[in-house]
Amino acid sequence: HASQSISSDVSRIFTGSATDKAVWMLVSGVAA
């Protein structure tokens, strides 16, 4: 849900990837 937010969309426009928070939540969630 964080990766689909407006802030992630803005980050994706400038950096090409979602926000760090969204990425870390996904990675730590998969690991857990």
Full PDB file with SEQRES, HELIX, SHEET, SSBOND, CRYST1, ORIGX, SCALE, CONECT and MASTER records, all heavy atoms in Angstrom:
SEQRES   1 A   32  HIS ALA SER GLN SER ILE SER SER ASP VAL SER ARG ILE          
SEQRES   2 A   32  PHE THR GLY SER ALA THR ASP LYS ALA VAL TRP MET LEU          
SEQRES   3 A   32  VAL SER GLY VAL ALA ALA                                      
HELIX    1 AA1 ILE A    6  THR A   15  1                                  10    
HELIX    2 AA2 ASP A   20  ALA A   31  1                                  12    
CRYST1    1.000    1.000    1.000  90.00  90.00  90.00 P 1           1          
ORIGX1      1.000000  0.000000  0.000000        0.00000                         
ORIGX2      0.000000  1.000000  0.000000        0.00000                         
ORIGX3      0.000000  0.000000  1.000000        0.00000                         
SCALE1      1.000000  0.000000  0.000000        0.00000                         
SCALE2      0.000000  1.000000  0.000000        0.00000                         
SCALE3      0.000000  0.000000  1.000000        0.00000                         
ATOM      1  N   HIS A   1       0.824  -1.206   0.000  1.00  0.00           N  
ATOM      2  CA  HIS A   1       0.000   0.000   0.000  1.00  0.00           C  
ATOM      3  C   HIS A   1       0.860   1.259   0.000  1.00  0.00           C  
ATOM      4  O   HIS A   1       0.523   2.250  -0.651  1.00  0.00           O  
ATOM      5  CB  HIS A   1      -0.962   0.016   1.175  1.00  0.00           C  
ATOM      6  CG  HIS A   1      -2.090  -0.948   1.028  1.00  0.00           C  
ATOM      7  ND1 HIS A   1      -3.048  -0.826   0.058  1.00  0.00           N  
ATOM      8  CD2 HIS A   1      -2.401  -2.070   1.706  1.00  0.00           C  
ATOM      9  CE1 HIS A   1      -3.903  -1.818   0.144  1.00  0.00           C  
ATOM     10  NE2 HIS A   1      -3.526  -2.604   1.142  1.00  0.00           N  
ATOM     11  N   ALA A   2       1.981   1.230   0.713  1.00  0.00           N  
ATOM     12  CA  ALA A   2       2.885   2.381   0.718  1.00  0.00           C  
ATOM     13  C   ALA A   2       3.532   2.582  -0.642  1.00  0.00           C  
ATOM     14  O   ALA A   2       3.783   3.714  -1.062  1.00  0.00           O  
ATOM     15  CB  ALA A   2       3.955   2.202   1.794  1.00  0.00           C  
ATOM     16  N   SER A   3       3.778   1.497  -1.362  1.00  0.00           N  
ATOM     17  CA  SER A   3       4.401   1.633  -2.678  1.00  0.00           C  
ATOM     18  C   SER A   3       3.424   2.172  -3.711  1.00  0.00           C  
ATOM     19  O   SER A   3       3.833   2.652  -4.762  1.00  0.00           O  
ATOM     20  CB  SER A   3       4.966   0.293  -3.147  1.00  0.00           C  
ATOM     21  OG  SER A   3       3.923  -0.599  -3.474  1.00  0.00           O  
ATOM     22  N   GLN A   4       2.125   2.108  -3.421  1.00  0.00           N  
ATOM     23  CA  GLN A   4       1.113   2.621  -4.329  1.00  0.00           C  
ATOM     24  C   GLN A   4       0.656   4.035  -3.948  1.00  0.00           C  
ATOM     25  O   GLN A   4      -0.263   4.557  -4.554  1.00  0.00           O  
ATOM     26  CB  GLN A   4      -0.099   1.684  -4.360  1.00  0.00           C  
ATOM     27  CG  GLN A   4       0.232   0.270  -4.771  1.00  0.00           C  
ATOM     28  CD  GLN A   4       0.849   0.199  -6.153  1.00  0.00           C  
ATOM     29  OE1 GLN A   4       0.379   0.839  -7.081  1.00  0.00           O  
ATOM     30  NE2 GLN A   4       1.919  -0.571  -6.281  1.00  0.00           N  
ATOM     31  N   SER A   5       1.301   4.654  -2.964  1.00  0.00           N  
ATOM     32  CA  SER A   5       0.888   5.969  -2.488  1.00  0.00           C  
ATOM     33  C   SER A   5       1.376   7.074  -3.420  1.00  0.00           C  
ATOM     34  O   SER A   5       2.211   6.859  -4.301  1.00  0.00           O  
ATOM     35  CB  SER A   5       1.421   6.210  -1.078  1.00  0.00           C  
ATOM     36  OG  SER A   5       2.818   6.361  -1.114  1.00  0.00           O  
ATOM     37  N   ILE A   6       0.874   8.266  -3.179  1.00  0.00           N  
ATOM     38  CA  ILE A   6       1.260   9.420  -3.996  1.00  0.00           C  
ATOM     39  C   ILE A   6       2.732   9.748  -3.806  1.00  0.00           C  
ATOM     40  O   ILE A   6       3.432  10.066  -4.775  1.00  0.00           O  
ATOM     41  CB  ILE A   6       0.370  10.630  -3.657  1.00  0.00           C  
ATOM     42  CG1 ILE A   6      -1.063  10.350  -4.103  1.00  0.00           C  
ATOM     43  CG2 ILE A   6       0.887  11.899  -4.314  1.00  0.00           C  
ATOM     44  CD1 ILE A   6      -2.063  11.392  -3.677  1.00  0.00           C  
ATOM     45  N   SER A   7       3.229   9.654  -2.580  1.00  0.00           N  
ATOM     46  CA  SER A   7       4.643   9.962  -2.345  1.00  0.00           C  
ATOM     47  C   SER A   7       5.553   8.980  -3.077  1.00  0.00           C  
ATOM     48  O   SER A   7       6.614   9.361  -3.575  1.00  0.00           O  
ATOM     49  CB  SER A   7       4.959   9.971  -0.850  1.00  0.00           C  
ATOM     50  OG  SER A   7       4.763   8.703  -0.286  1.00  0.00           O  
ATOM     51  N   SER A   8       5.151   7.722  -3.160  1.00  0.00           N  
ATOM     52  CA  SER A   8       5.942   6.751  -3.920  1.00  0.00           C  
ATOM     53  C   SER A   8       5.871   7.044  -5.411  1.00  0.00           C  
ATOM     54  O   SER A   8       6.851   6.858  -6.134  1.00  0.00           O  
ATOM     55  CB  SER A   8       5.464   5.330  -3.657  1.00  0.00           C  
ATOM     56  OG  SER A   8       5.959   4.860  -2.438  1.00  0.00           O  
ATOM     57  N   ASP A   9       4.709   7.524  -5.879  1.00  0.00           N  
ATOM     58  CA  ASP A   9       4.596   7.893  -7.290  1.00  0.00           C  
ATOM     59  C   ASP A   9       5.514   9.055  -7.627  1.00  0.00           C  
ATOM     60  O   ASP A   9       6.184   9.047  -8.663  1.00  0.00           O  
ATOM     61  CB  ASP A   9       3.147   8.253  -7.639  1.00  0.00           C  
ATOM     62  CG  ASP A   9       2.237   7.036  -7.670  1.00  0.00           C  
ATOM     63  OD1 ASP A   9       2.758   5.918  -7.797  1.00  0.00           O  
ATOM     64  OD2 ASP A   9       1.009   7.228  -7.564  1.00  0.00           O  
ATOM     65  N   VAL A  10       5.584  10.044  -6.742  1.00  0.00           N  
ATOM     66  CA  VAL A  10       6.478  11.185  -6.958  1.00  0.00           C  
ATOM     67  C   VAL A  10       7.934  10.724  -6.919  1.00  0.00           C  
ATOM     68  O   VAL A  10       8.750  11.121  -7.757  1.00  0.00           O  
ATOM     69  CB  VAL A  10       6.207  12.289  -5.915  1.00  0.00           C  
ATOM     70  CG1 VAL A  10       7.255  13.381  -5.988  1.00  0.00           C  
ATOM     71  CG2 VAL A  10       4.814  12.877  -6.105  1.00  0.00           C  
ATOM     72  N   SER A  11       8.250   9.882  -5.960  1.00  0.00           N  
ATOM     73  CA  SER A  11       9.609   9.353  -5.866  1.00  0.00           C  
ATOM     74  C   SER A  11       9.967   8.542  -7.110  1.00  0.00           C  
ATOM     75  O   SER A  11      11.088   8.623  -7.611  1.00  0.00           O  
ATOM     76  CB  SER A  11       9.740   8.478  -4.627  1.00  0.00           C  
ATOM     77  OG  SER A  11      11.010   7.873  -4.552  1.00  0.00           O  
ATOM     78  N   ARG A  12       9.010   7.773  -7.608  1.00  0.00           N  
ATOM     79  CA  ARG A  12       9.231   6.955  -8.793  1.00  0.00           C  
ATOM     80  C   ARG A  12       9.509   7.826 -10.023  1.00  0.00           C  
ATOM     81  O   ARG A  12      10.297   7.465 -10.886  1.00  0.00           O  
ATOM     82  CB  ARG A  12       8.022   6.055  -9.026  1.00  0.00           C  
ATOM     83  CG  ARG A  12       8.329   4.821  -9.803  1.00  0.00           C  
ATOM     84  CD  ARG A  12       7.148   3.857  -9.861  1.00  0.00           C  
ATOM     85  NE  ARG A  12       6.917   3.222  -8.563  1.00  0.00           N  
ATOM     86  CZ  ARG A  12       5.807   3.351  -7.865  1.00  0.00           C  
ATOM     87  NH1 ARG A  12       4.805   4.079  -8.288  1.00  0.00           N  
ATOM     88  NH2 ARG A  12       5.683   2.732  -6.709  1.00  0.00           N  
ATOM     89  N   ILE A  13       8.873   8.984 -10.091  1.00  0.00           N  
ATOM     90  CA  ILE A  13       9.095   9.899 -11.221  1.00  0.00           C  
ATOM     91  C   ILE A  13      10.534  10.387 -11.231  1.00  0.00           C  
ATOM     92  O   ILE A  13      11.191  10.421 -12.274  1.00  0.00           O  
ATOM     93  CB  ILE A  13       8.115  11.088 -11.151  1.00  0.00           C  
ATOM     94  CG1 ILE A  13       6.697  10.629 -11.481  1.00  0.00           C  
ATOM     95  CG2 ILE A  13       8.538  12.203 -12.111  1.00  0.00           C  
ATOM     96  CD1 ILE A  13       5.632  11.673 -11.218  1.00  0.00           C  
ATOM     97  N   PHE A  14      11.059  10.770 -10.065  1.00  0.00           N  
ATOM     98  CA  PHE A  14      12.389  11.362  -9.997  1.00  0.00           C  
ATOM     99  C   PHE A  14      13.519  10.343  -9.867  1.00  0.00           C  
ATOM    100  O   PHE A  14      14.606  10.555 -10.391  1.00  0.00           O  
ATOM    101  CB  PHE A  14      12.463  12.357  -8.834  1.00  0.00           C  
ATOM    102  CG  PHE A  14      11.619  13.583  -9.061  1.00  0.00           C  
ATOM    103  CD1 PHE A  14      10.468  13.789  -8.335  1.00  0.00           C  
ATOM    104  CD2 PHE A  14      11.973  14.511 -10.027  1.00  0.00           C  
ATOM    105  CE1 PHE A  14       9.683  14.904  -8.554  1.00  0.00           C  
ATOM    106  CE2 PHE A  14      11.199  15.631 -10.260  1.00  0.00           C  
ATOM    107  CZ  PHE A  14      10.054  15.837  -9.518  1.00  0.00           C  
ATOM    108  N   THR A  15      13.280   9.238  -9.163  1.00  0.00           N  
ATOM    109  CA  THR A  15      14.363   8.280  -8.920  1.00  0.00           C  
ATOM    110  C   THR A  15      14.196   6.964  -9.651  1.00  0.00           C  
ATOM    111  O   THR A  15      15.144   6.196  -9.760  1.00  0.00           O  
ATOM    112  CB  THR A  15      14.491   7.974  -7.415  1.00  0.00           C  
ATOM    113  OG1 THR A  15      13.298   7.333  -6.969  1.00  0.00           O  
ATOM    114  CG2 THR A  15      14.742   9.236  -6.615  1.00  0.00           C  
ATOM    115  N   GLY A  16      12.991   6.674 -10.097  1.00  0.00           N  
ATOM    116  CA  GLY A  16      12.748   5.416 -10.787  1.00  0.00           C  
ATOM    117  C   GLY A  16      12.355   4.273  -9.872  1.00  0.00           C  
ATOM    118  O   GLY A  16      12.119   3.160 -10.328  1.00  0.00           O  
ATOM    119  N   SER A  17      12.305   4.527  -8.566  1.00  0.00           N  
ATOM    120  CA  SER A  17      11.890   3.474  -7.637  1.00  0.00           C  
ATOM    121  C   SER A  17      10.993   4.067  -6.557  1.00  0.00           C  
ATOM    122  O   SER A  17      10.918   5.277  -6.387  1.00  0.00           O  
ATOM    123  CB  SER A  17      13.107   2.806  -6.987  1.00  0.00           C  
ATOM    124  OG  SER A  17      13.804   3.729  -6.188  1.00  0.00           O  
ATOM    125  N   ALA A  18      10.320   3.194  -5.832  1.00  0.00           N  
ATOM    126  CA  ALA A  18       9.422   3.629  -4.765  1.00  0.00           C  
ATOM    127  C   ALA A  18      10.234   4.189  -3.597  1.00  0.00           C  
ATOM    128  O   ALA A  18      11.466   4.121  -3.587  1.00  0.00           O  
ATOM    129  CB  ALA A  18       8.573   2.456  -4.309  1.00  0.00           C  
ATOM    130  N   THR A  19       9.540   4.726  -2.608  1.00  0.00           N  
ATOM    131  CA  THR A  19      10.236   5.277  -1.450  1.00  0.00           C  
ATOM    132  C   THR A  19      10.979   4.179  -0.693  1.00  0.00           C  
ATOM    133  O   THR A  19      10.625   3.003  -0.757  1.00  0.00           O  
ATOM    134  CB  THR A  19       9.249   5.960  -0.490  1.00  0.00           C  
ATOM    135  OG1 THR A  19       8.287   5.009  -0.057  1.00  0.00           O  
ATOM    136  CG2 THR A  19       8.544   7.130  -1.150  1.00  0.00           C  
ATOM    137  N   ASP A  20      12.012   4.583   0.027  1.00  0.00           N  
ATOM    138  CA  ASP A  20      12.799   3.622   0.801  1.00  0.00           C  
ATOM    139  C   ASP A  20      11.948   2.919   1.845  1.00  0.00           C  
ATOM    140  O   ASP A  20      12.123   1.733   2.105  1.00  0.00           O  
ATOM    141  CB  ASP A  20      13.971   4.329   1.487  1.00  0.00           C  
ATOM    142  CG  ASP A  20      15.039   4.768   0.512  1.00  0.00           C  
ATOM    143  OD1 ASP A  20      15.052   4.257  -0.625  1.00  0.00           O  
ATOM    144  OD2 ASP A  20      15.860   5.633   0.879  1.00  0.00           O  
ATOM    145  N   LYS A  21      11.021   3.648   2.454  1.00  0.00           N  
ATOM    146  CA  LYS A  21      10.160   3.059   3.477  1.00  0.00           C  
ATOM    147  C   LYS A  21       9.357   1.898   2.916  1.00  0.00           C  
ATOM    148  O   LYS A  21       9.271   0.830   3.525  1.00  0.00           O  
ATOM    149  CB  LYS A  21       9.221   4.127   4.029  1.00  0.00           C  
ATOM    150  CG  LYS A  21       8.287   3.642   5.092  1.00  0.00           C  
ATOM    151  CD  LYS A  21       7.379   4.771   5.575  1.00  0.00           C  
ATOM    152  CE  LYS A  21       6.379   4.263   6.580  1.00  0.00           C  
ATOM    153  NZ  LYS A  21       5.479   5.338   7.023  1.00  0.00           N  
ATOM    154  N   ALA A  22       8.783   2.091   1.738  1.00  0.00           N  
ATOM    155  CA  ALA A  22       7.981   1.037   1.118  1.00  0.00           C  
ATOM    156  C   ALA A  22       8.848  -0.177   0.780  1.00  0.00           C  
ATOM    157  O   ALA A  22       8.449  -1.319   1.017  1.00  0.00           O  
ATOM    158  CB  ALA A  22       7.291   1.563  -0.130  1.00  0.00           C  
ATOM    159  N   VAL A  23      10.014   0.072   0.244  1.00  0.00           N  
ATOM    160  CA  VAL A  23      10.907  -1.025  -0.141  1.00  0.00           C  
ATOM    161  C   VAL A  23      11.348  -1.808   1.091  1.00  0.00           C  
ATOM    162  O   VAL A  23      11.331  -3.046   1.092  1.00  0.00           O  
ATOM    163  CB  VAL A  23      12.125  -0.491  -0.919  1.00  0.00           C  
ATOM    164  CG1 VAL A  23      13.158  -1.576  -1.140  1.00  0.00           C  
ATOM    165  CG2 VAL A  23      11.683   0.106  -2.247  1.00  0.00           C  
ATOM    166  N   TRP A  24      11.711  -1.115   2.168  1.00  0.00           N  
ATOM    167  CA  TRP A  24      12.160  -1.801   3.378  1.00  0.00           C  
ATOM    168  C   TRP A  24      11.037  -2.585   4.032  1.00  0.00           C  
ATOM    169  O   TRP A  24      11.262  -3.666   4.587  1.00  0.00           O  
ATOM    170  CB  TRP A  24      12.796  -0.827   4.372  1.00  0.00           C  
ATOM    171  CG  TRP A  24      14.205  -0.521   4.008  1.00  0.00           C  
ATOM    172  CD1 TRP A  24      14.696   0.661   3.544  1.00  0.00           C  
ATOM    173  CD2 TRP A  24      15.309  -1.422   4.047  1.00  0.00           C  
ATOM    174  NE1 TRP A  24      16.035   0.541   3.289  1.00  0.00           N  
ATOM    175  CE2 TRP A  24      16.439  -0.720   3.591  1.00  0.00           C  
ATOM    176  CE3 TRP A  24      15.447  -2.747   4.420  1.00  0.00           C  
ATOM    177  CZ2 TRP A  24      17.692  -1.312   3.502  1.00  0.00           C  
ATOM    178  CZ3 TRP A  24      16.701  -3.341   4.324  1.00  0.00           C  
ATOM    179  CH2 TRP A  24      17.803  -2.620   3.873  1.00  0.00           C  
ATOM    180  N   MET A  25       9.815  -2.060   3.968  1.00  0.00           N  
ATOM    181  CA  MET A  25       8.690  -2.815   4.530  1.00  0.00           C  
ATOM    182  C   MET A  25       8.450  -4.088   3.727  1.00  0.00           C  
ATOM    183  O   MET A  25       8.187  -5.146   4.304  1.00  0.00           O  
ATOM    184  CB  MET A  25       7.427  -1.961   4.554  1.00  0.00           C  
ATOM    185  CG  MET A  25       7.369  -1.016   5.722  1.00  0.00           C  
ATOM    186  SD  MET A  25       5.737  -0.351   6.029  1.00  0.00           S  
ATOM    187  CE  MET A  25       5.599   0.857   4.737  1.00  0.00           C  
ATOM    188  N   LEU A  26       8.549  -4.005   2.418  1.00  0.00           N  
ATOM    189  CA  LEU A  26       8.357  -5.198   1.590  1.00  0.00           C  
ATOM    190  C   LEU A  26       9.457  -6.228   1.834  1.00  0.00           C  
ATOM    191  O   LEU A  26       9.181  -7.418   1.998  1.00  0.00           O  
ATOM    192  CB  LEU A  26       8.311  -4.807   0.114  1.00  0.00           C  
ATOM    193  CG  LEU A  26       7.041  -4.098  -0.342  1.00  0.00           C  
ATOM    194  CD1 LEU A  26       7.225  -3.521  -1.741  1.00  0.00           C  
ATOM    195  CD2 LEU A  26       5.867  -5.048  -0.314  1.00  0.00           C  
ATOM    196  N   VAL A  27      10.698  -5.776   1.862  1.00  0.00           N  
ATOM    197  CA  VAL A  27      11.826  -6.697   2.053  1.00  0.00           C  
ATOM    198  C   VAL A  27      11.783  -7.346   3.432  1.00  0.00           C  
ATOM    199  O   VAL A  27      11.930  -8.574   3.562  1.00  0.00           O  
ATOM    200  CB  VAL A  27      13.171  -5.952   1.841  1.00  0.00           C  
ATOM    201  CG1 VAL A  27      14.352  -6.796   2.282  1.00  0.00           C  
ATOM    202  CG2 VAL A  27      13.316  -5.544   0.386  1.00  0.00           C  
ATOM    203  N   SER A  28      11.546  -6.549   4.472  1.00  0.00           N  
ATOM    204  CA  SER A  28      11.506  -7.134   5.819  1.00  0.00           C  
ATOM    205  C   SER A  28      10.274  -8.021   6.001  1.00  0.00           C  
ATOM    206  O   SER A  28      10.326  -9.020   6.720  1.00  0.00           O  
ATOM    207  CB  SER A  28      11.546  -6.038   6.883  1.00  0.00           C  
ATOM    208  OG  SER A  28      10.443  -5.175   6.743  1.00  0.00           O  
ATOM    209  N   GLY A  29       9.171  -7.687   5.337  1.00  0.00           N  
ATOM    210  CA  GLY A  29       7.978  -8.523   5.404  1.00  0.00           C  
ATOM    211  C   GLY A  29       8.201  -9.880   4.774  1.00  0.00           C  
ATOM    212  O   GLY A  29       7.789 -10.907   5.320  1.00  0.00           O  
ATOM    213  N   VAL A  30       8.844  -9.892   3.629  1.00  0.00           N  
ATOM    214  CA  VAL A  30       9.138 -11.162   2.963  1.00  0.00           C  
ATOM    215  C   VAL A  30      10.093 -11.998   3.817  1.00  0.00           C  
ATOM    216  O   VAL A  30       9.891 -13.211   3.987  1.00  0.00           O  
ATOM    217  CB  VAL A  30       9.719 -10.919   1.549  1.00  0.00           C  
ATOM    218  CG1 VAL A  30      10.296 -12.184   0.959  1.00  0.00           C  
ATOM    219  CG2 VAL A  30       8.649 -10.342   0.634  1.00  0.00           C  
ATOM    220  N   ALA A  31      11.107 -11.354   4.383  1.00  0.00           N  
ATOM    221  CA  ALA A  31      12.067 -12.086   5.225  1.00  0.00           C  
ATOM    222  C   ALA A  31      11.381 -12.669   6.467  1.00  0.00           C  
ATOM    223  O   ALA A  31      11.620 -13.829   6.829  1.00  0.00           O  
ATOM    224  CB  ALA A  31      13.213 -11.165   5.638  1.00  0.00           C  
ATOM    225  N   ALA A  32      10.527 -11.886   7.100  1.00  0.00           N  
ATOM    226  CA  ALA A  32       9.834 -12.368   8.301  1.00  0.00           C  
ATOM    227  C   ALA A  32       8.857 -13.488   7.954  1.00  0.00           C  
ATOM    228  O   ALA A  32       8.763 -14.481   8.680  1.00  0.00           O  
ATOM    229  CB  ALA A  32       9.101 -11.211   8.982  1.00  0.00           C  
TER     230      ALA A  32                                                      
MASTER        0    0    0    2    0    0    0    6  229    1    0    3          
END                                                                             
